[in-house]
Amino acid sequence: MKIVPKKVFCFLAITITSVVSASGPPPPGHIPPGPDPIPIDSGLVFLFAAAISYSFYKIYQMKINKKAPM
């Protein structure tokens, strides 16, 4: 397996640049964010129920559209 030096260099340059730029201190006068006004878990039960029902629907649909062996 051949490792291409140009791709490795680009990967390392992008990774190092993003780490260095993200690790700086916050700008002066930066106000830390307060608590979220909307709770994160407000609709998780509905989302979970929708995901389960959609997965059952797709499984049922795949069983119906399955071709019979000849």
PDB file of N, CA and C in Angstrom:
ATOM      1  N   MET A   1       0.843  -1.166   0.000  1.00  0.00           N
ATOM      2  CA  MET A   1       0.000   0.000   0.000  1.00  0.00           C
ATOM      3  C   MET A   1       0.892   1.233   0.000  1.00  0.00           C
ATOM      4  N   LYS A   2       0.642   2.123  -0.937  1.00  0.00           N
ATOM      5  CA  LYS A   2       1.481   3.295  -1.099  1.00  0.00           C
ATOM      6  C   LYS A   2       0.863   4.489  -0.355  1.00  0.00           C
ATOM      7  N   ILE A   3       1.651   5.110   0.510  1.00  0.00           N
ATOM      8  CA  ILE A   3       1.197   6.292   1.230  1.00  0.00           C
ATOM      9  C   ILE A   3       1.621   7.511   0.431  1.00  0.00           C
ATOM     10  N   VAL A   4       0.670   8.329   0.096  1.00  0.00           N
ATOM     11  CA  VAL A   4       0.948   9.511  -0.710  1.00  0.00           C
ATOM     12  C   VAL A   4       1.338  10.643   0.242  1.00  0.00           C
ATOM     13  N   PRO A   5       2.575  11.172   0.129  1.00  0.00           N
ATOM     14  CA  PRO A   5       3.038  12.208   1.054  1.00  0.00           C
ATOM     15  C   PRO A   5       2.215  13.494   0.977  1.00  0.00           C
ATOM     16  N   LYS A   6       1.706  13.829  -0.186  1.00  0.00           N
ATOM     17  CA  LYS A   6       0.936  15.065  -0.322  1.00  0.00           C
ATOM     18  C   LYS A   6      -0.356  14.983   0.493  1.00  0.00           C
ATOM     19  N   LYS A   7      -1.024  13.841   0.470  1.00  0.00           N
ATOM     20  CA  LYS A   7      -2.257  13.671   1.242  1.00  0.00           C
ATOM     21  C   LYS A   7      -1.984  13.691   2.735  1.00  0.00           C
ATOM     22  N   VAL A   8      -0.895  13.056   3.153  1.00  0.00           N
ATOM     23  CA  VAL A   8      -0.532  13.044   4.570  1.00  0.00           C
ATOM     24  C   VAL A   8      -0.219  14.461   5.034  1.00  0.00           C
ATOM     25  N   PHE A   9       0.530  15.208   4.245  1.00  0.00           N
ATOM     26  CA  PHE A   9       0.866  16.580   4.599  1.00  0.00           C
ATOM     27  C   PHE A   9      -0.392  17.437   4.708  1.00  0.00           C
ATOM     28  N   CYS A  10      -1.302  17.317   3.750  1.00  0.00           N
ATOM     29  CA  CYS A  10      -2.548  18.101   3.793  1.00  0.00           C
ATOM     30  C   CYS A  10      -3.374  17.746   5.024  1.00  0.00           C
ATOM     31  N   PHE A  11      -3.472  16.452   5.344  1.00  0.00           N
ATOM     32  CA  PHE A  11      -4.219  16.022   6.516  1.00  0.00           C
ATOM     33  C   PHE A  11      -3.617  16.597   7.793  1.00  0.00           C
ATOM     34  N   LEU A  12      -2.302  16.506   7.919  1.00  0.00           N
ATOM     35  CA  LEU A  12      -1.645  17.032   9.111  1.00  0.00           C
ATOM     36  C   LEU A  12      -1.774  18.546   9.200  1.00  0.00           C
ATOM     37  N   ALA A  13      -1.651  19.250   8.081  1.00  0.00           N
ATOM     38  CA  ALA A  13      -1.761  20.709   8.091  1.00  0.00           C
ATOM     39  C   ALA A  13      -3.148  21.149   8.518  1.00  0.00           C
ATOM     40  N   ILE A  14      -4.177  20.493   8.002  1.00  0.00           N
ATOM     41  CA  ILE A  14      -5.548  20.856   8.373  1.00  0.00           C
ATOM     42  C   ILE A  14      -5.817  20.531   9.837  1.00  0.00           C
ATOM     43  N   THR A  15      -5.358  19.389  10.300  1.00  0.00           N
ATOM     44  CA  THR A  15      -5.580  18.996  11.688  1.00  0.00           C
ATOM     45  C   THR A  15      -4.869  19.939  12.650  1.00  0.00           C
ATOM     46  N   ILE A  16      -3.612  20.225  12.391  1.00  0.00           N
ATOM     47  CA  ILE A  16      -2.851  21.102  13.284  1.00  0.00           C
ATOM     48  C   ILE A  16      -3.431  22.510  13.276  1.00  0.00           C
ATOM     49  N   THR A  17      -3.817  23.014  12.111  1.00  0.00           N
ATOM     50  CA  THR A  17      -4.393  24.355  12.026  1.00  0.00           C
ATOM     51  C   THR A  17      -5.691  24.454  12.812  1.00  0.00           C
ATOM     52  N   SER A  18      -6.544  23.439  12.708  1.00  0.00           N
ATOM     53  CA  SER A  18      -7.815  23.501  13.422  1.00  0.00           C
ATOM     54  C   SER A  18      -7.613  23.399  14.927  1.00  0.00           C
ATOM     55  N   VAL A  19      -6.653  22.589  15.374  1.00  0.00           N
ATOM     56  CA  VAL A  19      -6.394  22.462  16.810  1.00  0.00           C
ATOM     57  C   VAL A  19      -5.822  23.756  17.368  1.00  0.00           C
ATOM     58  N   VAL A  20      -4.897  24.355  16.652  1.00  0.00           N
ATOM     59  CA  VAL A  20      -4.267  25.592  17.133  1.00  0.00           C
ATOM     60  C   VAL A  20      -5.277  26.733  17.161  1.00  0.00           C
ATOM     61  N   SER A  21      -6.126  26.832  16.140  1.00  0.00           N
ATOM     62  CA  SER A  21      -7.081  27.935  16.101  1.00  0.00           C
ATOM     63  C   SER A  21      -8.193  27.758  17.125  1.00  0.00           C
ATOM     64  N   ALA A  22      -8.525  26.532  17.483  1.00  0.00           N
ATOM     65  CA  ALA A  22      -9.605  26.298  18.439  1.00  0.00           C
ATOM     66  C   ALA A  22      -9.134  26.404  19.879  1.00  0.00           C
ATOM     67  N   SER A  23      -7.845  26.343  20.120  1.00  0.00           N
ATOM     68  CA  SER A  23      -7.363  26.320  21.490  1.00  0.00           C
ATOM     69  C   SER A  23      -7.009  27.697  22.039  1.00  0.00           C
ATOM     70  N   GLY A  24      -7.283  28.754  21.309  1.00  0.00           N
ATOM     71  CA  GLY A  24      -6.973  30.094  21.782  1.00  0.00           C
ATOM     72  C   GLY A  24      -7.936  30.559  22.856  1.00  0.00           C
ATOM     73  N   PRO A  25      -7.539  31.576  23.621  1.00  0.00           N
ATOM     74  CA  PRO A  25      -8.424  32.095  24.664  1.00  0.00           C
ATOM     75  C   PRO A  25      -9.605  32.847  24.033  1.00  0.00           C
ATOM     76  N   PRO A  26     -10.706  32.981  24.746  1.00  0.00           N
ATOM     77  CA  PRO A  26     -11.844  33.715  24.201  1.00  0.00           C
ATOM     78  C   PRO A  26     -11.500  35.194  24.032  1.00  0.00           C
ATOM     79  N   PRO A  27     -12.138  35.875  23.101  1.00  0.00           N
ATOM     80  CA  PRO A  27     -11.835  37.286  22.897  1.00  0.00           C
ATOM     81  C   PRO A  27     -12.233  38.122  24.115  1.00  0.00           C
ATOM     82  N   PRO A  28     -11.599  39.296  24.292  1.00  0.00           N
ATOM     83  CA  PRO A  28     -11.950  40.120  25.451  1.00  0.00           C
ATOM     84  C   PRO A  28     -13.403  40.584  25.363  1.00  0.00           C
ATOM     85  N   GLY A  29     -14.060  40.637  26.505  1.00  0.00           N
ATOM     86  CA  GLY A  29     -15.446  41.049  26.548  1.00  0.00           C
ATOM     87  C   GLY A  29     -16.406  39.932  26.210  1.00  0.00           C
ATOM     88  N   HIS A  30     -15.886  38.728  26.145  1.00  0.00           N
ATOM     89  CA  HIS A  30     -16.733  37.573  25.813  1.00  0.00           C
ATOM     90  C   HIS A  30     -17.623  37.242  27.008  1.00  0.00           C
ATOM     91  N   ILE A  31     -18.922  37.158  26.758  1.00  0.00           N
ATOM     92  CA  ILE A  31     -19.875  36.821  27.811  1.00  0.00           C
ATOM     93  C   ILE A  31     -20.185  35.331  27.703  1.00  0.00           C
ATOM     94  N   PRO A  32     -19.972  34.563  28.756  1.00  0.00           N
ATOM     95  CA  PRO A  32     -20.277  33.140  28.684  1.00  0.00           C
ATOM     96  C   PRO A  32     -21.781  32.927  28.488  1.00  0.00           C
ATOM     97  N   PRO A  33     -22.148  31.928  27.700  1.00  0.00           N
ATOM     98  CA  PRO A  33     -23.570  31.698  27.458  1.00  0.00           C
ATOM     99  C   PRO A  33     -24.296  31.235  28.710  1.00  0.00           C
ATOM    100  N   GLY A  34     -25.543  31.625  28.820  1.00  0.00           N
ATOM    101  CA  GLY A  34     -26.369  31.232  29.949  1.00  0.00           C
ATOM    102  C   GLY A  34     -27.024  29.883  29.695  1.00  0.00           C
ATOM    103  N   PRO A  35     -27.943  29.499  30.554  1.00  0.00           N
ATOM    104  CA  PRO A  35     -28.624  28.223  30.351  1.00  0.00           C
ATOM    105  C   PRO A  35     -29.526  28.283  29.121  1.00  0.00           C
ATOM    106  N   ASP A  36     -29.722  27.119  28.508  1.00  0.00           N
ATOM    107  CA  ASP A  36     -30.570  27.049  27.328  1.00  0.00           C
ATOM    108  C   ASP A  36     -32.017  27.354  27.705  1.00  0.00           C
ATOM    109  N   PRO A  37     -32.699  28.163  26.908  1.00  0.00           N
ATOM    110  CA  PRO A  37     -34.093  28.458  27.217  1.00  0.00           C
ATOM    111  C   PRO A  37     -35.024  27.291  26.904  1.00  0.00           C
ATOM    112  N   ILE A  38     -34.600  26.376  26.028  1.00  0.00           N
ATOM    113  CA  ILE A  38     -35.425  25.233  25.653  1.00  0.00           C
ATOM    114  C   ILE A  38     -34.736  23.977  26.169  1.00  0.00           C
ATOM    115  N   PRO A  39     -35.442  23.144  26.937  1.00  0.00           N
ATOM    116  CA  PRO A  39     -34.814  21.914  27.409  1.00  0.00           C
ATOM    117  C   PRO A  39     -34.546  20.953  26.241  1.00  0.00           C
ATOM    118  N   ILE A  40     -33.460  20.222  26.337  1.00  0.00           N
ATOM    119  CA  ILE A  40     -33.048  19.331  25.251  1.00  0.00           C
ATOM    120  C   ILE A  40     -33.985  18.135  25.130  1.00  0.00           C
ATOM    121  N   ASP A  41     -34.483  17.622  26.245  1.00  0.00           N
ATOM    122  CA  ASP A  41     -35.255  16.384  26.221  1.00  0.00           C
ATOM    123  C   ASP A  41     -36.756  16.595  26.057  1.00  0.00           C
ATOM    124  N   SER A  42     -37.200  17.718  25.515  1.00  0.00           N
ATOM    125  CA  SER A  42     -38.630  17.990  25.450  1.00  0.00           C
ATOM    126  C   SER A  42     -39.370  17.078  24.483  1.00  0.00           C
ATOM    127  N   GLY A  43     -38.744  16.614  23.406  1.00  0.00           N
ATOM    128  CA  GLY A  43     -39.448  15.791  22.442  1.00  0.00           C
ATOM    129  C   GLY A  43     -38.792  14.460  22.166  1.00  0.00           C
ATOM    130  N   LEU A  44     -37.948  13.994  23.069  1.00  0.00           N
ATOM    131  CA  LEU A  44     -37.225  12.758  22.814  1.00  0.00           C
ATOM    132  C   LEU A  44     -38.130  11.536  22.795  1.00  0.00           C
ATOM    133  N   VAL A  45     -39.176  11.520  23.608  1.00  0.00           N
ATOM    134  CA  VAL A  45     -40.082  10.373  23.628  1.00  0.00           C
ATOM    135  C   VAL A  45     -40.800  10.269  22.288  1.00  0.00           C
ATOM    136  N   PHE A  46     -41.274  11.392  21.765  1.00  0.00           N
ATOM    137  CA  PHE A  46     -41.942  11.396  20.470  1.00  0.00           C
ATOM    138  C   PHE A  46     -40.976  10.992  19.364  1.00  0.00           C
ATOM    139  N   LEU A  47     -39.754  11.495  19.399  1.00  0.00           N
ATOM    140  CA  LEU A  47     -38.759  11.160  18.389  1.00  0.00           C
ATOM    141  C   LEU A  47     -38.424   9.676  18.427  1.00  0.00           C
ATOM    142  N   PHE A  48     -38.288   9.108  19.623  1.00  0.00           N
ATOM    143  CA  PHE A  48     -38.001   7.682  19.764  1.00  0.00           C
ATOM    144  C   PHE A  48     -39.159   6.842  19.230  1.00  0.00           C
ATOM    145  N   ALA A  49     -40.392   7.218  19.545  1.00  0.00           N
ATOM    146  CA  ALA A  49     -41.562   6.479  19.054  1.00  0.00           C
ATOM    147  C   ALA A  49     -41.655   6.560  17.535  1.00  0.00           C
ATOM    148  N   ALA A  50     -41.375   7.722  16.971  1.00  0.00           N
ATOM    149  CA  ALA A  50     -41.413   7.878  15.515  1.00  0.00           C
ATOM    150  C   ALA A  50     -40.331   7.022  14.854  1.00  0.00           C
ATOM    151  N   ALA A  51     -39.146   6.957  15.435  1.00  0.00           N
ATOM    152  CA  ALA A  51     -38.064   6.149  14.866  1.00  0.00           C
ATOM    153  C   ALA A  51     -38.400   4.666  14.913  1.00  0.00           C
ATOM    154  N   ILE A  52     -38.969   4.202  16.005  1.00  0.00           N
ATOM    155  CA  ILE A  52     -39.344   2.787  16.122  1.00  0.00           C
ATOM    156  C   ILE A  52     -40.443   2.442  15.122  1.00  0.00           C
ATOM    157  N   SER A  53     -41.464   3.298  15.023  1.00  0.00           N
ATOM    158  CA  SER A  53     -42.552   3.003  14.099  1.00  0.00           C
ATOM    159  C   SER A  53     -42.075   3.062  12.647  1.00  0.00           C
ATOM    160  N   TYR A  54     -41.189   3.990  12.316  1.00  0.00           N
ATOM    161  CA  TYR A  54     -40.660   4.064  10.954  1.00  0.00           C
ATOM    162  C   TYR A  54     -39.812   2.839  10.622  1.00  0.00           C
ATOM    163  N   SER A  55     -39.059   2.339  11.591  1.00  0.00           N
ATOM    164  CA  SER A  55     -38.247   1.151  11.327  1.00  0.00           C
ATOM    165  C   SER A  55     -39.134  -0.079  11.112  1.00  0.00           C
ATOM    166  N   PHE A  56     -40.211  -0.220  11.886  1.00  0.00           N
ATOM    167  CA  PHE A  56     -41.143  -1.320  11.650  1.00  0.00           C
ATOM    168  C   PHE A  56     -41.803  -1.194  10.284  1.00  0.00           C
ATOM    169  N   TYR A  57     -42.141   0.021   9.886  1.00  0.00           N
ATOM    170  CA  TYR A  57     -42.739   0.254   8.572  1.00  0.00           C
ATOM    171  C   TYR A  57     -41.784  -0.154   7.459  1.00  0.00           C
ATOM    172  N   LYS A  58     -40.514   0.219   7.565  1.00  0.00           N
ATOM    173  CA  LYS A  58     -39.535  -0.125   6.534  1.00  0.00           C
ATOM    174  C   LYS A  58     -39.293  -1.634   6.481  1.00  0.00           C
ATOM    175  N   ILE A  59     -39.241  -2.302   7.631  1.00  0.00           N
ATOM    176  CA  ILE A  59     -39.065  -3.753   7.645  1.00  0.00           C
ATOM    177  C   ILE A  59     -40.262  -4.425   6.989  1.00  0.00           C
ATOM    178  N   TYR A  60     -41.466  -3.980   7.310  1.00  0.00           N
ATOM    179  CA  TYR A  60     -42.678  -4.533   6.702  1.00  0.00           C
ATOM    180  C   TYR A  60     -42.668  -4.298   5.198  1.00  0.00           C
ATOM    181  N   GLN A  61     -42.278  -3.117   4.781  1.00  0.00           N
ATOM    182  CA  GLN A  61     -42.236  -2.776   3.355  1.00  0.00           C
ATOM    183  C   GLN A  61     -41.208  -3.644   2.617  1.00  0.00           C
ATOM    184  N   MET A  62     -40.080  -3.912   3.235  1.00  0.00           N
ATOM    185  CA  MET A  62     -39.065  -4.747   2.606  1.00  0.00           C
ATOM    186  C   MET A  62     -39.533  -6.195   2.494  1.00  0.00           C
ATOM    187  N   LYS A  63     -40.293  -6.684   3.471  1.00  0.00           N
ATOM    188  CA  LYS A  63     -40.798  -8.054   3.409  1.00  0.00           C
ATOM    189  C   LYS A  63     -41.839  -8.194   2.300  1.00  0.00           C
ATOM    190  N   ILE A  64     -42.662  -7.193   2.090  1.00  0.00           N
ATOM    191  CA  ILE A  64     -43.686  -7.240   1.048  1.00  0.00           C
ATOM    192  C   ILE A  64     -43.050  -7.183  -0.334  1.00  0.00           C
ATOM    193  N   ASN A  65     -42.055  -6.344  -0.516  1.00  0.00           N
ATOM    194  CA  ASN A  65     -41.426  -6.153  -1.828  1.00  0.00           C
ATOM    195  C   ASN A  65     -40.374  -7.208  -2.148  1.00  0.00           C
ATOM    196  N   LYS A  66     -40.177  -8.173  -1.274  1.00  0.00           N
ATOM    197  CA  LYS A  66     -39.184  -9.218  -1.477  1.00  0.00           C
ATOM    198  C   LYS A  66     -39.664 -10.127  -2.617  1.00  0.00           C
ATOM    199  N   LYS A  67     -38.789 -10.374  -3.555  1.00  0.00           N
ATOM    200  CA  LYS A  67     -39.152 -11.219  -4.684  1.00  0.00           C
ATOM    201  C   LYS A  67     -39.158 -12.690  -4.273  1.00  0.00           C
ATOM    202  N   ALA A  68     -40.140 -13.418  -4.772  1.00  0.00           N
ATOM    203  CA  ALA A  68     -40.254 -14.848  -4.456  1.00  0.00           C
ATOM    204  C   ALA A  68     -39.255 -15.633  -5.312  1.00  0.00           C
ATOM    205  N   PRO A  69     -38.637 -16.679  -4.744  1.00  0.00           N
ATOM    206  CA  PRO A  69     -37.707 -17.484  -5.540  1.00  0.00           C
ATOM    207  C   PRO A  69     -38.452 -18.262  -6.613  1.00  0.00           C
ATOM    208  N   MET A  70     -37.800 -18.496  -7.747  1.00  0.00           N
ATOM    209  CA  MET A  70     -38.440 -19.197  -8.859  1.00  0.00           C
ATOM    210  C   MET A  70     -38.240 -20.675  -8.759  1.00  0.00           C
TER     211      MET A  70
END
